[in-house]
Every structure is written in structure tokens, then in C-alpha cells.
Amino acid sequence: MAKLYFRYSAMNAGKSTALLQVAHNYEEQGQSVHLYTAAIDHRYGVGKVTSRLGPQREAAVFDSQFNFFKEAPQVNCVLVDEAQFLTPEQVRQLHQLAHVRGVPVICYGIRSDFLGEPFPGSTYLLALSDTIEELKNICTCGKKATMNIRVDTSGKRMKSGEQIDIGGNERYQHVCGRCFYSA
């Protein structure tokens, strides 16, 4: 039976690397996969799933208007990077894709923004996913990182701003809950 999976973590824990490995594993067994990433995330170019370790792969892009149930091709597995940017309706479409068409769907993303507020896509993934898995990362203090903070160009923590501001290590740091509240 196919399922909807949500694999989440704080930033920089290897989500994109894990997605690329899953794609490789399916294809090595002669199975077809289709990769998606958020159109809004253009850090490494539009339509690219890129690991900070270097591997990169082309992917279809989704925006808020994309319909996964209608537009996803028939494949053995659907992989979604930057899943926090999904709309609630898109999460329902992916859930439907898994349960009606029998296609496993594996989504990778973060749960909350730099203020600890949930992303709508992640909220619905937590509600509808059949399997939820945490990928681990560590804070500079050595505890498990579960949160993200945004920093300005001088490295100072920001405590206000738009929920979405695309960036990598130069804009975000992953921290534990204690460091999130004490920073």
C-alpha cells in the first residue's frame, strides 16, 4: 500500500541529500521517479534539487496553482523537496495520489519558520501523512537542532520579517529549542 511520507528537520540536516539518494535507489532498481521542488526556491537555479554536499538534479517545479493529482505523471514514486511551501490543498492532492493511484509520495521540508510559526504545508503534512520521520541535526551547543533562526548580514538574529525569505547558511542557522529562546 502506498503512503504519504513527511520527512522533516531543521535546516541543513540533509533533506535534499536524502531525497536524491531515494531517487537513485528507485532508479537503480529500474523504477521511475518524479522529483518536484518549489518554484520559489531559486538558490541553486529554478527546478533544481541541490544538496549542500554538491549533488544536484533537475526537478519539475510547483507553485501554489500546481495540481499534483491532475498533473503528476504515472511513476513508481513522487519526491517533493521544500515541501513546507506546499499549499494545504496540494498536500491533500499528494495524499490522494498515494491512496487512490497507489503512488508512494515522499515529502521533505521544515516544520516552522524563523519565528517558530508553522508553514501551512507542513501543518497539513503533519496532519495527513501516513508516516512522519525526523531527520536529525545538531545545534552548535551539541543538542538536537529542531528550530531555525534567521540572521542578518552581520550575523545578528532577526525577530521580524516575512515568513518566506529564501536563503541558505548565510541567512539561517539551525538551533535547539533552548538556543532558539535564548538567542
Protein backbone atom coordinates (compact mmCIF):
# COMPACT_ATOMS: atom_id res chain seq x y z
CA MET A 1 0.00 0.00 0.00
CA ALA A 2 1.36 3.41 -0.98
CA LYS A 3 1.66 6.12 1.65
CA LEU A 4 2.30 9.83 2.04
CA TYR A 5 5.55 10.35 3.95
CA PHE A 6 6.78 13.55 5.58
CA ARG A 7 10.47 13.66 6.40
CA TYR A 8 11.29 16.87 8.24
CA SER A 9 14.14 18.51 10.08
CA ALA A 10 15.73 21.82 10.91
CA MET A 11 17.68 23.34 8.04
CA ASN A 12 20.93 21.79 6.86
CA ALA A 13 20.18 18.24 8.06
CA GLY A 14 20.47 16.55 4.68
CA LYS A 15 16.88 16.51 3.43
CA SER A 16 17.80 17.16 -0.21
CA THR A 17 20.66 14.66 0.01
CA ALA A 18 18.25 12.04 1.35
CA LEU A 19 15.75 12.80 -1.44
CA LEU A 20 18.45 12.40 -4.09
CA GLN A 21 19.52 9.10 -2.53
CA VAL A 22 15.94 7.79 -2.57
CA ALA A 23 15.63 8.76 -6.25
CA HIS A 24 18.88 6.93 -7.00
CA ASN A 25 17.74 3.82 -5.11
CA TYR A 26 14.42 3.63 -7.01
CA GLU A 27 16.11 4.13 -10.36
CA GLU A 28 18.84 1.61 -9.61
CA GLN A 29 16.04 -0.95 -9.26
CA GLY A 30 14.52 0.04 -12.63
CA GLN A 31 11.74 2.10 -11.04
CA SER A 32 10.67 5.55 -12.25
CA VAL A 33 10.56 8.61 -10.01
CA HIS A 34 9.44 12.19 -10.49
CA LEU A 35 11.05 14.98 -8.48
CA TYR A 36 9.42 18.29 -7.58
CA THR A 37 10.75 21.39 -5.89
CA ALA A 38 9.22 24.76 -5.06
CA ALA A 39 9.41 27.34 -7.86
CA ILE A 40 10.04 30.00 -5.21
CA ASP A 41 13.36 28.38 -4.17
CA HIS A 42 15.91 29.54 -6.74
CA ARG A 43 19.10 29.38 -4.63
CA TYR A 44 20.74 26.90 -7.00
CA GLY A 45 18.62 27.67 -10.06
CA VAL A 46 14.92 27.13 -10.71
CA GLY A 47 13.92 23.49 -10.92
CA LYS A 48 16.95 22.02 -9.20
CA VAL A 49 17.12 19.81 -6.14
CA THR A 50 20.57 20.52 -4.75
CA SER A 51 22.38 19.11 -1.77
CA ARG A 52 24.80 21.37 0.06
CA LEU A 53 27.24 18.46 -0.41
CA GLY A 54 27.16 19.10 -4.16
CA PRO A 55 24.88 16.60 -5.93
CA GLN A 56 22.17 18.28 -7.98
CA ARG A 57 19.33 17.08 -10.15
CA GLU A 58 16.68 18.62 -12.36
CA ALA A 59 13.14 18.63 -10.99
CA ALA A 60 9.72 19.83 -12.02
CA VAL A 61 8.58 22.90 -10.11
CA PHE A 62 5.39 23.55 -8.25
CA ASP A 63 3.80 26.84 -7.38
CA SER A 64 0.57 27.49 -5.49
CA GLN A 65 -1.53 26.74 -8.59
CA PHE A 66 0.02 23.36 -9.44
CA ASN A 67 -2.30 20.34 -9.12
CA PHE A 68 -0.33 17.21 -8.22
CA PHE A 69 -3.24 14.81 -8.61
CA LYS A 70 -4.04 16.01 -12.13
CA GLU A 71 -0.54 16.76 -13.40
CA ALA A 72 1.81 14.20 -11.82
CA PRO A 73 2.89 11.56 -14.34
CA GLN A 74 2.39 7.87 -13.64
CA VAL A 75 5.60 6.82 -11.90
CA ASN A 76 6.70 4.46 -9.14
CA CYS A 77 7.40 7.26 -6.64
CA VAL A 78 6.92 11.04 -6.30
CA LEU A 79 9.53 13.00 -4.34
CA VAL A 80 8.91 16.58 -3.17
CA ASP A 81 11.64 18.88 -1.87
CA GLU A 82 10.91 22.13 0.03
CA ALA A 83 7.53 20.68 1.00
CA GLN A 84 6.86 23.44 3.53
CA PHE A 85 5.88 25.58 0.51
CA LEU A 86 3.01 23.28 -0.48
CA THR A 87 -0.50 24.62 -0.02
CA PRO A 88 -2.94 22.70 2.17
CA GLU A 89 -4.82 21.67 -0.98
CA GLN A 90 -1.63 20.35 -2.57
CA VAL A 91 -0.96 18.20 0.48
CA ARG A 92 -4.46 16.75 0.06
CA GLN A 93 -3.68 16.10 -3.63
CA LEU A 94 -0.49 14.24 -2.68
CA HIS A 95 -2.37 12.24 -0.05
CA GLN A 96 -4.94 11.36 -2.71
CA LEU A 97 -2.19 10.44 -5.18
CA ALA A 98 -0.80 7.94 -2.69
CA HIS A 99 -4.12 6.42 -1.68
CA VAL A 100 -6.09 6.49 -4.94
CA ARG A 101 -3.35 5.91 -7.53
CA GLY A 102 -1.11 3.86 -5.26
CA VAL A 103 1.98 6.01 -5.76
CA PRO A 104 4.28 6.47 -2.77
CA VAL A 105 4.85 10.20 -2.14
CA ILE A 106 7.81 11.29 -0.02
CA CYS A 107 7.95 14.95 1.03
CA TYR A 108 10.96 16.67 2.58
CA GLY A 109 10.77 20.00 4.38
CA ILE A 110 10.95 22.03 7.54
CA ARG A 111 8.08 22.39 10.02
CA SER A 112 8.38 26.00 11.10
CA ASP A 113 9.82 29.35 10.13
CA PHE A 114 12.45 31.50 11.86
CA LEU A 115 9.89 32.66 14.44
CA GLY A 116 8.69 29.15 15.28
CA GLU A 117 5.46 29.61 13.30
CA PRO A 118 4.30 26.60 11.27
CA PHE A 119 4.26 26.64 7.50
CA PRO A 120 0.76 25.76 6.20
CA GLY A 121 2.13 22.96 4.01
CA SER A 122 3.97 21.41 6.93
CA THR A 123 0.93 21.67 9.18
CA TYR A 124 -1.12 19.66 6.69
CA LEU A 125 1.70 17.19 6.10
CA LEU A 126 1.82 16.57 9.85
CA ALA A 127 -1.95 16.03 9.82
CA LEU A 128 -2.29 13.85 6.70
CA SER A 129 0.97 11.94 6.33
CA ASP A 130 0.81 8.22 6.96
CA THR A 131 4.43 8.18 8.13
CA ILE A 132 6.32 11.07 9.73
CA GLU A 133 10.08 10.88 10.18
CA GLU A 134 12.53 13.35 11.69
CA LEU A 135 15.98 13.76 10.15
CA LYS A 136 18.39 14.79 12.89
CA ASN A 137 20.80 17.71 13.01
CA ILE A 138 22.70 19.28 15.89
CA CYS A 139 22.89 22.78 17.32
CA THR A 140 26.24 24.46 17.96
CA CYS A 141 25.70 23.70 21.66
CA GLY A 142 25.55 19.97 20.89
CA LYS A 143 21.82 19.38 21.47
CA LYS A 144 19.44 18.23 18.74
CA ALA A 145 18.51 21.12 16.43
CA THR A 146 14.75 21.43 15.95
CA MET A 147 14.34 25.12 15.09
CA ASN A 148 15.70 27.65 12.60
CA ILE A 149 16.65 31.27 13.14
CA ARG A 150 17.19 33.96 10.51
CA VAL A 151 20.21 36.22 10.73
CA ASP A 152 21.09 39.48 9.01
CA THR A 153 24.29 40.14 7.06
CA SER A 154 26.22 40.78 10.28
CA GLY A 155 25.04 37.50 11.84
CA LYS A 156 22.56 39.15 14.23
CA ARG A 157 19.31 37.27 14.84
CA MET A 158 16.22 38.73 13.21
CA LYS A 159 12.93 38.60 15.09
CA SER A 160 10.61 40.03 12.47
CA GLY A 161 10.04 39.86 8.74
CA GLU A 162 8.15 37.96 6.08
CA GLN A 163 7.67 34.25 6.69
CA ILE A 164 9.42 33.35 3.44
CA ASP A 165 12.87 34.68 2.67
CA ILE A 166 14.82 32.19 0.58
CA GLY A 167 18.37 31.64 1.74
CA GLY A 168 20.90 29.15 2.96
CA ASN A 169 23.62 29.19 5.59
CA GLU A 170 24.19 32.91 5.09
CA ARG A 171 20.59 33.65 6.22
CA TYR A 172 19.64 30.79 8.54
CA GLN A 173 21.04 28.78 11.41
CA HIS A 174 19.65 25.59 12.92
CA VAL A 175 19.36 25.57 16.70
CA CYS A 176 17.92 23.59 19.60
CA GLY A 177 14.88 24.85 21.49
CA ARG A 178 16.97 26.31 24.32
CA CYS A 179 19.18 28.29 21.94
CA PHE A 180 16.09 29.37 19.95
CA TYR A 181 14.68 31.06 23.07
CA SER A 182 17.94 32.38 24.46
CA ALA A 183 19.46 33.81 21.27
